[in-house]
PDB file of N, CA and C in Angstrom:
ATOM      1  N   MET A   1       6.644 -75.837 171.263  1.00  0.00           N
ATOM      2  CA  MET A   1       6.337 -77.264 171.149  1.00  0.00           C
ATOM      3  C   MET A   1       5.506 -78.582 172.228  1.00  0.00           C
ATOM      4  N   SER A   2       5.830 -79.403 171.247  1.00  0.00           N
ATOM      5  CA  SER A   2       4.864 -80.294 171.480  1.00  0.00           C
ATOM      6  C   SER A   2       4.879 -81.311 172.504  1.00  0.00           C
ATOM      7  N   GLN A   3       5.796 -81.464 173.174  1.00  0.00           N
ATOM      8  CA  GLN A   3       6.875 -82.183 174.400  1.00  0.00           C
ATOM      9  C   GLN A   3       7.685 -80.918 175.235  1.00  0.00           C
ATOM     10  N   ALA A   4       7.739 -81.766 176.390  1.00  0.00           N
ATOM     11  CA  ALA A   4       8.836 -81.134 177.028  1.00  0.00           C
ATOM     12  C   ALA A   4      10.064 -81.058 176.239  1.00  0.00           C
ATOM     13  N   LEU A   5      10.939 -80.581 176.929  1.00  0.00           N
ATOM     14  CA  LEU A   5      12.252 -80.369 176.412  1.00  0.00           C
ATOM     15  C   LEU A   5      13.340 -82.001 176.875  1.00  0.00           C
ATOM     16  N   TYR A   6      13.105 -81.994 178.066  1.00  0.00           N
ATOM     17  CA  TYR A   6      13.811 -83.021 178.966  1.00  0.00           C
ATOM     18  C   TYR A   6      13.142 -84.391 179.705  1.00  0.00           C
ATOM     19  N   GLU A   7      11.648 -83.974 180.318  1.00  0.00           N
ATOM     20  CA  GLU A   7      11.162 -84.609 181.004  1.00  0.00           C
ATOM     21  C   GLU A   7       9.971 -85.656 180.062  1.00  0.00           C
ATOM     22  N   PRO A   8      10.470 -87.048 180.561  1.00  0.00           N
ATOM     23  CA  PRO A   8      10.247 -87.974 179.862  1.00  0.00           C
ATOM     24  C   PRO A   8       8.428 -88.042 180.331  1.00  0.00           C
ATOM     25  N   VAL A   9       7.840 -88.602 179.053  1.00  0.00           N
ATOM     26  CA  VAL A   9       6.252 -88.632 178.522  1.00  0.00           C
ATOM     27  C   VAL A   9       5.773 -90.016 179.007  1.00  0.00           C
ATOM     28  N   ALA A  10       5.141 -89.860 180.478  1.00  0.00           N
ATOM     29  CA  ALA A  10       4.223 -90.889 181.101  1.00  0.00           C
ATOM     30  C   ALA A  10       3.963 -92.120 180.208  1.00  0.00           C
ATOM     31  N   PRO A  11       3.943 -93.093 179.441  1.00  0.00           N
ATOM     32  CA  PRO A  11       2.782 -93.958 179.057  1.00  0.00           C
ATOM     33  C   PRO A  11       1.633 -93.512 179.520  1.00  0.00           C
ATOM     34  N   PRO A  12       0.181 -94.238 178.437  1.00  0.00           N
ATOM     35  CA  PRO A  12      -0.690 -94.101 178.516  1.00  0.00           C
ATOM     36  C   PRO A  12      -1.063 -94.988 180.231  1.00  0.00           C
ATOM     37  N   ASN A  13      -0.749 -95.944 180.043  1.00  0.00           N
ATOM     38  CA  ASN A  13      -1.388 -96.744 180.721  1.00  0.00           C
ATOM     39  C   ASN A  13      -0.873 -96.574 182.229  1.00  0.00           C
ATOM     40  N   GLN A  14       0.312 -95.950 182.507  1.00  0.00           N
ATOM     41  CA  GLN A  14       0.627 -95.471 183.932  1.00  0.00           C
ATOM     42  C   GLN A  14       0.018 -94.509 183.714  1.00  0.00           C
ATOM     43  N   LEU A  15      -0.306 -93.809 183.099  1.00  0.00           N
ATOM     44  CA  LEU A  15      -1.567 -91.877 182.878  1.00  0.00           C
ATOM     45  C   LEU A  15      -3.020 -92.556 183.952  1.00  0.00           C
ATOM     46  N   ALA A  16      -3.262 -93.757 183.172  1.00  0.00           N
ATOM     47  CA  ALA A  16      -4.613 -94.367 183.734  1.00  0.00           C
ATOM     48  C   ALA A  16      -4.743 -94.959 184.721  1.00  0.00           C
ATOM     49  N   GLN A  17      -3.604 -95.168 185.196  1.00  0.00           N
ATOM     50  CA  GLN A  17      -3.370 -95.453 186.726  1.00  0.00           C
ATOM     51  C   GLN A  17      -3.790 -94.154 187.923  1.00  0.00           C
ATOM     52  N   PHE A  18      -3.608 -93.413 187.454  1.00  0.00           N
ATOM     53  CA  PHE A  18      -4.371 -92.042 188.184  1.00  0.00           C
ATOM     54  C   PHE A  18      -5.622 -91.510 187.838  1.00  0.00           C
ATOM     55  N   GLY A  19      -6.349 -91.986 186.757  1.00  0.00           N
ATOM     56  CA  GLY A  19      -7.361 -91.705 186.240  1.00  0.00           C
ATOM     57  C   GLY A  19      -7.272 -90.599 185.250  1.00  0.00           C
ATOM     58  N   ILE A  20      -6.191 -90.159 184.521  1.00  0.00           N
ATOM     59  CA  ILE A  20      -5.672 -89.148 183.576  1.00  0.00           C
ATOM     60  C   ILE A  20      -5.184 -89.802 182.412  1.00  0.00           C
ATOM     61  N   SER A  21      -5.115 -88.802 181.629  1.00  0.00           N
ATOM     62  CA  SER A  21      -5.297 -88.980 180.222  1.00  0.00           C
ATOM     63  C   SER A  21      -4.024 -88.192 179.699  1.00  0.00           C
ATOM     64  N   ALA A  22      -3.244 -88.591 178.660  1.00  0.00           N
ATOM     65  CA  ALA A  22      -2.571 -87.098 177.953  1.00  0.00           C
ATOM     66  C   ALA A  22      -2.986 -85.768 177.781  1.00  0.00           C
ATOM     67  N   ALA A  23      -4.404 -85.743 177.548  1.00  0.00           N
ATOM     68  CA  ALA A  23      -4.786 -84.388 177.052  1.00  0.00           C
ATOM     69  C   ALA A  23      -5.249 -83.620 178.307  1.00  0.00           C
ATOM     70  N   ASP A  24      -5.091 -84.650 179.774  1.00  0.00           N
ATOM     71  CA  ASP A  24      -5.834 -83.887 181.010  1.00  0.00           C
ATOM     72  C   ASP A  24      -4.305 -83.176 181.598  1.00  0.00           C
ATOM     73  N   LEU A  25      -2.967 -83.439 180.943  1.00  0.00           N
ATOM     74  CA  LEU A  25      -1.587 -82.260 181.106  1.00  0.00           C
ATOM     75  C   LEU A  25      -1.906 -81.484 180.330  1.00  0.00           C
ATOM     76  N   ASP A  26      -1.267 -80.132 180.913  1.00  0.00           N
ATOM     77  CA  ASP A  26      -1.183 -79.048 180.569  1.00  0.00           C
ATOM     78  C   ASP A  26       0.164 -78.845 180.518  1.00  0.00           C
ATOM     79  N   GLU A  27       1.021 -78.482 179.639  1.00  0.00           N
ATOM     80  CA  GLU A  27       2.323 -78.916 180.030  1.00  0.00           C
ATOM     81  C   GLU A  27       2.782 -77.404 179.121  1.00  0.00           C
ATOM     82  N   THR A  28       1.988 -76.116 179.301  1.00  0.00           N
ATOM     83  CA  THR A  28       2.538 -74.628 179.444  1.00  0.00           C
ATOM     84  C   THR A  28       3.317 -74.940 179.961  1.00  0.00           C
ATOM     85  N   VAL A  29       4.268 -73.878 179.493  1.00  0.00           N
ATOM     86  CA  VAL A  29       5.066 -73.393 180.709  1.00  0.00           C
ATOM     87  C   VAL A  29       5.313 -71.905 180.210  1.00  0.00           C
ATOM     88  N   GLU A  30       5.179 -70.916 181.066  1.00  0.00           N
ATOM     89  CA  GLU A  30       5.574 -69.603 181.284  1.00  0.00           C
ATOM     90  C   GLU A  30       6.948 -69.260 181.035  1.00  0.00           C
ATOM     91  N   VAL A  31       8.304 -68.510 180.190  1.00  0.00           N
ATOM     92  CA  VAL A  31       8.804 -68.098 180.490  1.00  0.00           C
ATOM     93  C   VAL A  31       9.306 -66.799 180.677  1.00  0.00           C
ATOM     94  N   LEU A  32       9.672 -66.250 182.052  1.00  0.00           N
ATOM     95  CA  LEU A  32       9.797 -64.919 182.210  1.00  0.00           C
ATOM     96  C   LEU A  32      11.011 -64.105 181.274  1.00  0.00           C
ATOM     97  N   PRO A  33      10.213 -63.241 180.924  1.00  0.00           N
ATOM     98  CA  PRO A  33      11.233 -62.152 179.967  1.00  0.00           C
ATOM     99  C   PRO A  33      12.845 -62.502 180.061  1.00  0.00           C
ATOM    100  N   ASP A  34      13.224 -61.744 181.595  1.00  0.00           N
ATOM    101  CA  ASP A  34      14.358 -62.575 181.966  1.00  0.00           C
ATOM    102  C   ASP A  34      14.992 -64.037 181.758  1.00  0.00           C
ATOM    103  N   ASN A  35      14.472 -64.569 181.258  1.00  0.00           N
ATOM    104  CA  ASN A  35      14.600 -65.884 181.291  1.00  0.00           C
ATOM    105  C   ASN A  35      15.122 -66.141 179.628  1.00  0.00           C
ATOM    106  N   TRP A  36      13.975 -65.574 178.802  1.00  0.00           N
ATOM    107  CA  TRP A  36      13.897 -66.102 177.360  1.00  0.00           C
ATOM    108  C   TRP A  36      14.848 -66.141 176.688  1.00  0.00           C
ATOM    109  N   PRO A  37      16.472 -65.398 176.947  1.00  0.00           N
ATOM    110  CA  PRO A  37      17.289 -65.594 176.004  1.00  0.00           C
ATOM    111  C   PRO A  37      18.200 -67.032 176.299  1.00  0.00           C
ATOM    112  N   ALA A  38      18.398 -67.288 177.351  1.00  0.00           N
ATOM    113  CA  ALA A  38      18.861 -68.337 178.096  1.00  0.00           C
ATOM    114  C   ALA A  38      17.532 -69.531 177.529  1.00  0.00           C
ATOM    115  N   PHE A  39      16.730 -69.718 177.555  1.00  0.00           N
ATOM    116  CA  PHE A  39      15.619 -70.956 177.098  1.00  0.00           C
ATOM    117  C   PHE A  39      15.810 -71.020 175.525  1.00  0.00           C
ATOM    118  N   VAL A  40      16.340 -69.684 174.693  1.00  0.00           N
ATOM    119  CA  VAL A  40      16.191 -70.287 173.809  1.00  0.00           C
ATOM    120  C   VAL A  40      17.731 -70.897 173.216  1.00  0.00           C
ATOM    121  N   VAL A  41      18.924 -70.276 173.491  1.00  0.00           N
ATOM    122  CA  VAL A  41      20.010 -71.070 173.877  1.00  0.00           C
ATOM    123  C   VAL A  41      20.079 -72.183 174.049  1.00  0.00           C
ATOM    124  N   MET A  42      19.353 -72.462 175.218  1.00  0.00           N
ATOM    125  CA  MET A  42      19.907 -74.013 176.154  1.00  0.00           C
ATOM    126  C   MET A  42      18.377 -74.788 174.443  1.00  0.00           C
ATOM    127  N   GLU A  43      17.383 -74.436 173.780  1.00  0.00           N
ATOM    128  CA  GLU A  43      16.501 -75.109 173.151  1.00  0.00           C
ATOM    129  C   GLU A  43      17.368 -75.650 172.186  1.00  0.00           C
ATOM    130  N   ALA A  44      18.087 -74.406 171.284  1.00  0.00           N
ATOM    131  CA  ALA A  44      19.234 -74.453 170.640  1.00  0.00           C
ATOM    132  C   ALA A  44      20.530 -75.571 170.176  1.00  0.00           C
ATOM    133  N   LEU A  45      20.559 -75.981 171.404  1.00  0.00           N
ATOM    134  CA  LEU A  45      21.872 -76.352 172.191  1.00  0.00           C
ATOM    135  C   LEU A  45      21.223 -78.078 172.303  1.00  0.00           C
ATOM    136  N   GLY A  46      20.042 -78.564 171.976  1.00  0.00           N
ATOM    137  CA  GLY A  46      19.353 -79.491 172.025  1.00  0.00           C
ATOM    138  C   GLY A  46      20.025 -80.794 171.811  1.00  0.00           C
ATOM    139  N   THR A  47      20.329 -80.478 170.534  1.00  0.00           N
ATOM    140  CA  THR A  47      21.672 -81.773 169.952  1.00  0.00           C
ATOM    141  C   THR A  47      22.926 -81.620 170.333  1.00  0.00           C
ATOM    142  N   GLN A  48      23.580 -80.778 171.368  1.00  0.00           N
ATOM    143  CA  GLN A  48      24.872 -80.820 171.670  1.00  0.00           C
ATOM    144  C   GLN A  48      25.386 -81.259 172.760  1.00  0.00           C
ATOM    145  N   TRP A  49      24.703 -82.294 173.340  1.00  0.00           N
ATOM    146  CA  TRP A  49      25.034 -82.878 174.583  1.00  0.00           C
ATOM    147  C   TRP A  49      25.958 -83.868 174.273  1.00  0.00           C
ATOM    148  N   ARG A  50      26.686 -83.890 175.285  1.00  0.00           N
ATOM    149  CA  ARG A  50      27.593 -84.983 175.117  1.00  0.00           C
ATOM    150  C   ARG A  50      27.708 -86.369 175.853  1.00  0.00           C
ATOM    151  N   VAL A  51      28.321 -87.726 175.201  1.00  0.00           N
ATOM    152  CA  VAL A  51      27.527 -88.332 175.892  1.00  0.00           C
ATOM    153  C   VAL A  51      28.666 -89.775 176.178  1.00  0.00           C
ATOM    154  N   GLY A  52      28.910 -90.517 177.443  1.00  0.00           N
ATOM    155  CA  GLY A  52      29.434 -90.621 177.634  1.00  0.00           C
ATOM    156  C   GLY A  52      28.626 -92.508 178.246  1.00  0.00           C
ATOM    157  N   MET A  53      29.276 -93.268 179.130  1.00  0.00           N
ATOM    158  CA  MET A  53      29.611 -94.638 178.925  1.00  0.00           C
ATOM    159  C   MET A  53      27.538 -94.853 179.879  1.00  0.00           C
ATOM    160  N   ALA A  54      28.094 -93.352 180.914  1.00  0.00           N
ATOM    161  CA  ALA A  54      26.396 -93.239 181.766  1.00  0.00           C
ATOM    162  C   ALA A  54      25.596 -92.463 180.983  1.00  0.00           C
ATOM    163  N   GLY A  55      25.746 -92.023 179.887  1.00  0.00           N
ATOM    164  CA  GLY A  55      24.577 -90.912 179.284  1.00  0.00           C
ATOM    165  C   GLY A  55      25.153 -90.119 179.059  1.00  0.00           C
ATOM    166  N   ARG A  56      24.299 -88.789 178.949  1.00  0.00           N
ATOM    167  CA  ARG A  56      24.592 -87.645 178.653  1.00  0.00           C
ATOM    168  C   ARG A  56      25.671 -87.130 180.140  1.00  0.00           C
ATOM    169  N   THR A  57      26.576 -86.417 179.489  1.00  0.00           N
ATOM    170  CA  THR A  57      27.608 -85.370 180.498  1.00  0.00           C
ATOM    171  C   THR A  57      27.768 -84.502 180.984  1.00  0.00           C
ATOM    172  N   GLY A  58      26.743 -83.643 179.641  1.00  0.00           N
ATOM    173  CA  GLY A  58      26.667 -82.528 180.100  1.00  0.00           C
ATOM    174  C   GLY A  58      26.918 -81.833 178.019  1.00  0.00           C
ATOM    175  N   LEU A  59      26.828 -80.533 178.347  1.00  0.00           N
ATOM    176  CA  LEU A  59      26.582 -79.256 177.077  1.00  0.00           C
ATOM    177  C   LEU A  59      28.047 -79.435 176.405  1.00  0.00           C
ATOM    178  N   ASP A  60      27.983 -79.818 175.062  1.00  0.00           N
ATOM    179  CA  ASP A  60      29.539 -79.113 174.164  1.00  0.00           C
ATOM    180  C   ASP A  60      29.283 -77.507 174.137  1.00  0.00           C
ATOM    181  N   TYR A  61      30.163 -77.320 175.303  1.00  0.00           N
ATOM    182  CA  TYR A  61      30.264 -75.632 175.557  1.00  0.00           C
ATOM    183  C   TYR A  61      30.922 -75.041 173.715  1.00  0.00           C
ATOM    184  N   SER A  62      31.562 -75.657 173.449  1.00  0.00           N
ATOM    185  CA  SER A  62      32.314 -75.163 172.334  1.00  0.00           C
ATOM    186  C   SER A  62      31.207 -75.224 171.258  1.00  0.00           C
ATOM    187  N   ALA A  63      29.587 -75.341 171.492  1.00  0.00           N
ATOM    188  CA  ALA A  63      29.046 -74.479 170.390  1.00  0.00           C
ATOM    189  C   ALA A  63      27.941 -73.561 170.874  1.00  0.00           C
ATOM    190  N   VAL A  64      28.533 -73.125 171.964  1.00  0.00           N
ATOM    191  CA  VAL A  64      27.944 -71.676 172.729  1.00  0.00           C
ATOM    192  C   VAL A  64      28.095 -71.022 171.924  1.00  0.00           C
ATOM    193  N   PRO A  65      28.808 -70.381 172.083  1.00  0.00           N
ATOM    194  CA  PRO A  65      29.793 -68.539 171.155  1.00  0.00           C
ATOM    195  C   PRO A  65      28.625 -68.835 169.594  1.00  0.00           C
ATOM    196  N   ALA A  66      28.834 -69.816 168.885  1.00  0.00           N
ATOM    197  CA  ALA A  66      28.297 -69.517 167.859  1.00  0.00           C
ATOM    198  C   ALA A  66      26.403 -69.779 167.633  1.00  0.00           C
ATOM    199  N   ILE A  67      26.292 -70.225 168.639  1.00  0.00           N
ATOM    200  CA  ILE A  67      24.558 -70.341 168.915  1.00  0.00           C
ATOM    201  C   ILE A  67      24.524 -69.122 169.355  1.00  0.00           C
ATOM    202  N   MET A  68      25.047 -68.193 170.250  1.00  0.00           N
ATOM    203  CA  MET A  68      24.433 -66.957 170.924  1.00  0.00           C
ATOM    204  C   MET A  68      24.531 -66.048 169.832  1.00  0.00           C
ATOM    205  N   ALA A  69      25.939 -66.191 168.609  1.00  0.00           N
ATOM    206  CA  ALA A  69      25.369 -65.064 167.564  1.00  0.00           C
ATOM    207  C   ALA A  69      24.417 -65.446 167.229  1.00  0.00           C
ATOM    208  N   LEU A  70      24.466 -66.411 166.530  1.00  0.00           N
ATOM    209  CA  LEU A  70      23.492 -66.651 165.447  1.00  0.00           C
ATOM    210  C   LEU A  70      22.015 -66.555 166.083  1.00  0.00           C
ATOM    211  N   ILE A  71      21.926 -66.641 167.141  1.00  0.00           N
ATOM    212  CA  ILE A  71      20.565 -65.858 167.811  1.00  0.00           C
ATOM    213  C   ILE A  71      20.749 -64.757 168.231  1.00  0.00           C
ATOM    214  N   GLY A  72      21.719 -64.122 168.466  1.00  0.00           N
ATOM    215  CA  GLY A  72      21.593 -62.305 168.271  1.00  0.00           C
ATOM    216  C   GLY A  72      21.648 -61.720 169.554  1.00  0.00           C
ATOM    217  N   ILE A  73      22.433 -62.951 170.884  1.00  0.00           N
ATOM    218  CA  ILE A  73      22.457 -62.583 172.055  1.00  0.00           C
ATOM    219  C   ILE A  73      23.651 -61.354 172.128  1.00  0.00           C
ATOM    220  N   PRO A  74      23.375 -60.184 172.501  1.00  0.00           N
ATOM    221  CA  PRO A  74      24.398 -59.124 172.513  1.00  0.00           C
ATOM    222  C   PRO A  74      25.437 -59.772 173.407  1.00  0.00           C
ATOM    223  N   LYS A  75      26.735 -59.480 172.730  1.00  0.00           N
ATOM    224  CA  LYS A  75      28.060 -59.731 173.316  1.00  0.00           C
ATOM    225  C   LYS A  75      28.158 -59.395 174.995  1.00  0.00           C
ATOM    226  N   LYS A  76      27.565 -58.075 175.502  1.00  0.00           N
ATOM    227  CA  LYS A  76      27.812 -58.075 176.999  1.00  0.00           C
ATOM    228  C   LYS A  76      26.771 -58.375 178.069  1.00  0.00           C
ATOM    229  N   ASN A  77      25.915 -59.274 177.146  1.00  0.00           N
ATOM    230  CA  ASN A  77      24.704 -60.846 178.121  1.00  0.00           C
ATOM    231  C   ASN A  77      25.456 -61.566 177.975  1.00  0.00           C
ATOM    232  N   ARG A  78      26.140 -62.479 177.358  1.00  0.00           N
ATOM    233  CA  ARG A  78      26.369 -63.395 176.744  1.00  0.00           C
ATOM    234  C   ARG A  78      27.043 -64.472 178.382  1.00  0.00           C
ATOM    235  N   SER A  79      27.958 -63.789 179.181  1.00  0.00           N
ATOM    236  CA  SER A  79      28.481 -64.162 179.996  1.00  0.00           C
ATOM    237  C   SER A  79      27.136 -64.494 181.087  1.00  0.00           C
ATOM    238  N   GLN A  80      26.151 -63.987 181.594  1.00  0.00           N
ATOM    239  CA  GLN A  80      24.963 -64.006 182.194  1.00  0.00           C
ATOM    240  C   GLN A  80      24.168 -65.169 181.453  1.00  0.00           C
ATOM    241  N   VAL A  81      23.484 -65.161 180.324  1.00  0.00           N
ATOM    242  CA  VAL A  81      23.455 -66.256 179.335  1.00  0.00           C
ATOM    243  C   VAL A  81      23.784 -67.326 179.447  1.00  0.00           C
ATOM    244  N   PHE A  82      24.685 -67.181 179.574  1.00  0.00           N
ATOM    245  CA  PHE A  82      25.732 -69.114 179.952  1.00  0.00           C
ATOM    246  C   PHE A  82      25.632 -69.548 181.205  1.00  0.00           C
ATOM    247  N   GLN A  83      25.645 -68.740 182.277  1.00  0.00           N
ATOM    248  CA  GLN A  83      25.427 -69.031 183.462  1.00  0.00           C
ATOM    249  C   GLN A  83      24.232 -69.338 183.625  1.00  0.00           C
ATOM    250  N   ASP A  84      23.161 -68.631 183.253  1.00  0.00           N
ATOM    251  CA  ASP A  84      21.363 -69.351 183.040  1.00  0.00           C
ATOM    252  C   ASP A  84      21.835 -70.482 182.259  1.00  0.00           C
ATOM    253  N   VAL A  85      22.143 -71.044 181.179  1.00  0.00           N
ATOM    254  CA  VAL A  85      22.314 -71.804 180.566  1.00  0.00           C
ATOM    255  C   VAL A  85      22.793 -73.031 180.914  1.00  0.00           C
ATOM    256  N   ARG A  86      23.830 -72.978 182.018  1.00  0.00           N
ATOM    257  CA  ARG A  86      24.476 -74.055 183.383  1.00  0.00           C
ATOM    258  C   ARG A  86      23.746 -74.555 183.692  1.00  0.00           C
ATOM    259  N   VAL A  87      22.548 -73.618 184.641  1.00  0.00           N
ATOM    260  CA  VAL A  87      21.452 -73.920 185.921  1.00  0.00           C
ATOM    261  C   VAL A  87      20.813 -74.576 185.039  1.00  0.00           C
ATOM    262  N   MET A  88      20.186 -74.187 183.625  1.00  0.00           N
ATOM    263  CA  MET A  88      19.080 -75.249 183.013  1.00  0.00           C
ATOM    264  C   MET A  88      20.164 -76.756 182.731  1.00  0.00           C
ATOM    265  N   GLU A  89      20.940 -76.668 182.216  1.00  0.00           N
ATOM    266  CA  GLU A  89      21.959 -77.788 181.917  1.00  0.00           C
ATOM    267  C   GLU A  89      21.797 -78.838 183.209  1.00  0.00           C
ATOM    268  N   ALA A  90      22.390 -78.095 184.161  1.00  0.00           N
ATOM    269  CA  ALA A  90      22.150 -79.056 185.807  1.00  0.00           C
ATOM    270  C   ALA A  90      21.241 -79.855 186.291  1.00  0.00           C
ATOM    271  N   GLU A  91      19.793 -79.014 185.624  1.00  0.00           N
ATOM    272  CA  GLU A  91      18.935 -79.817 186.057  1.00  0.00           C
ATOM    273  C   GLU A  91      17.884 -80.449 185.030  1.00  0.00           C
ATOM    274  N   ALA A  92      18.244 -80.146 183.702  1.00  0.00           N
ATOM    275  CA  ALA A  92      18.190 -81.183 182.761  1.00  0.00           C
ATOM    276  C   ALA A  92      18.533 -82.874 183.004  1.00  0.00           C
ATOM    277  N   LEU A  93      20.171 -82.258 183.559  1.00  0.00           N
ATOM    278  CA  LEU A  93      21.309 -83.753 183.648  1.00  0.00           C
ATOM    279  C   LEU A  93      20.486 -84.284 184.895  1.00  0.00           C
ATOM    280  N   LEU A  94      19.778 -83.619 185.991  1.00  0.00           N
ATOM    281  CA  LEU A  94      19.049 -84.183 186.784  1.00  0.00           C
ATOM    282  C   LEU A  94      17.943 -85.433 186.697  1.00  0.00           C
ATOM    283  N   VAL A  95      17.265 -84.361 185.765  1.00  0.00           N
ATOM    284  CA  VAL A  95      15.987 -85.017 185.468  1.00  0.00           C
ATOM    285  C   VAL A  95      16.152 -86.227 184.121  1.00  0.00           C
ATOM    286  N   MET A  96      17.209 -86.174 183.802  1.00  0.00           N
ATOM    287  CA  MET A  96      17.604 -87.175 182.623  1.00  0.00           C
ATOM    288  C   MET A  96      17.954 -88.543 183.465  1.00  0.00           C
ATOM    289  N   SER A  97      18.720 -88.024 184.490  1.00  0.00           N
ATOM    290  CA  SER A  97      19.048 -89.300 185.690  1.00  0.00           C
ATOM    291  C   SER A  97      18.113 -90.042 186.018  1.00  0.00           C
ATOM    292  N   GLU A  98      17.226 -89.432 186.575  1.00  0.00           N
ATOM    293  CA  GLU A  98      16.561 -89.721 187.374  1.00  0.00           C
ATOM    294  C   GLU A  98      15.202 -90.664 186.140  1.00  0.00           C
ATOM    295  N   SER A  99      15.268 -90.111 185.192  1.00  0.00           N
ATOM    296  CA  SER A  99      14.532 -91.295 184.032  1.00  0.00           C
ATOM    297  C   SER A  99      15.075 -92.755 183.473  1.00  0.00           C
ATOM    298  N   LYS A 100      15.991 -92.931 184.358  1.00  0.00           N
ATOM    299  CA  LYS A 100      16.857 -94.459 183.749  1.00  0.00           C
ATOM    300  C   LYS A 100      16.461 -95.358 184.946  1.00  0.00           C
TER     301      LYS A 100
END
């Protein structure tokens, strides 16, 4: 991916105030193997946000079982992957709320 999943990108004029450009930012993030299944599920759920009057409120959990099945997450691991996705969801909501 060329852009972070949920982190807003600073405009060039703001970056310039700190003497940097977009080319100076390395947004490469290593995902640990144990976290890879949750990352893939979260990425696939990127269009499944519920939206209310105050913006995004959380993921549409009704899409989670289908995504996990399509991606091939073993049934015995789905509970843990779901809990990991919920941690990522909470952090994404926090980041998105800070960008308002």
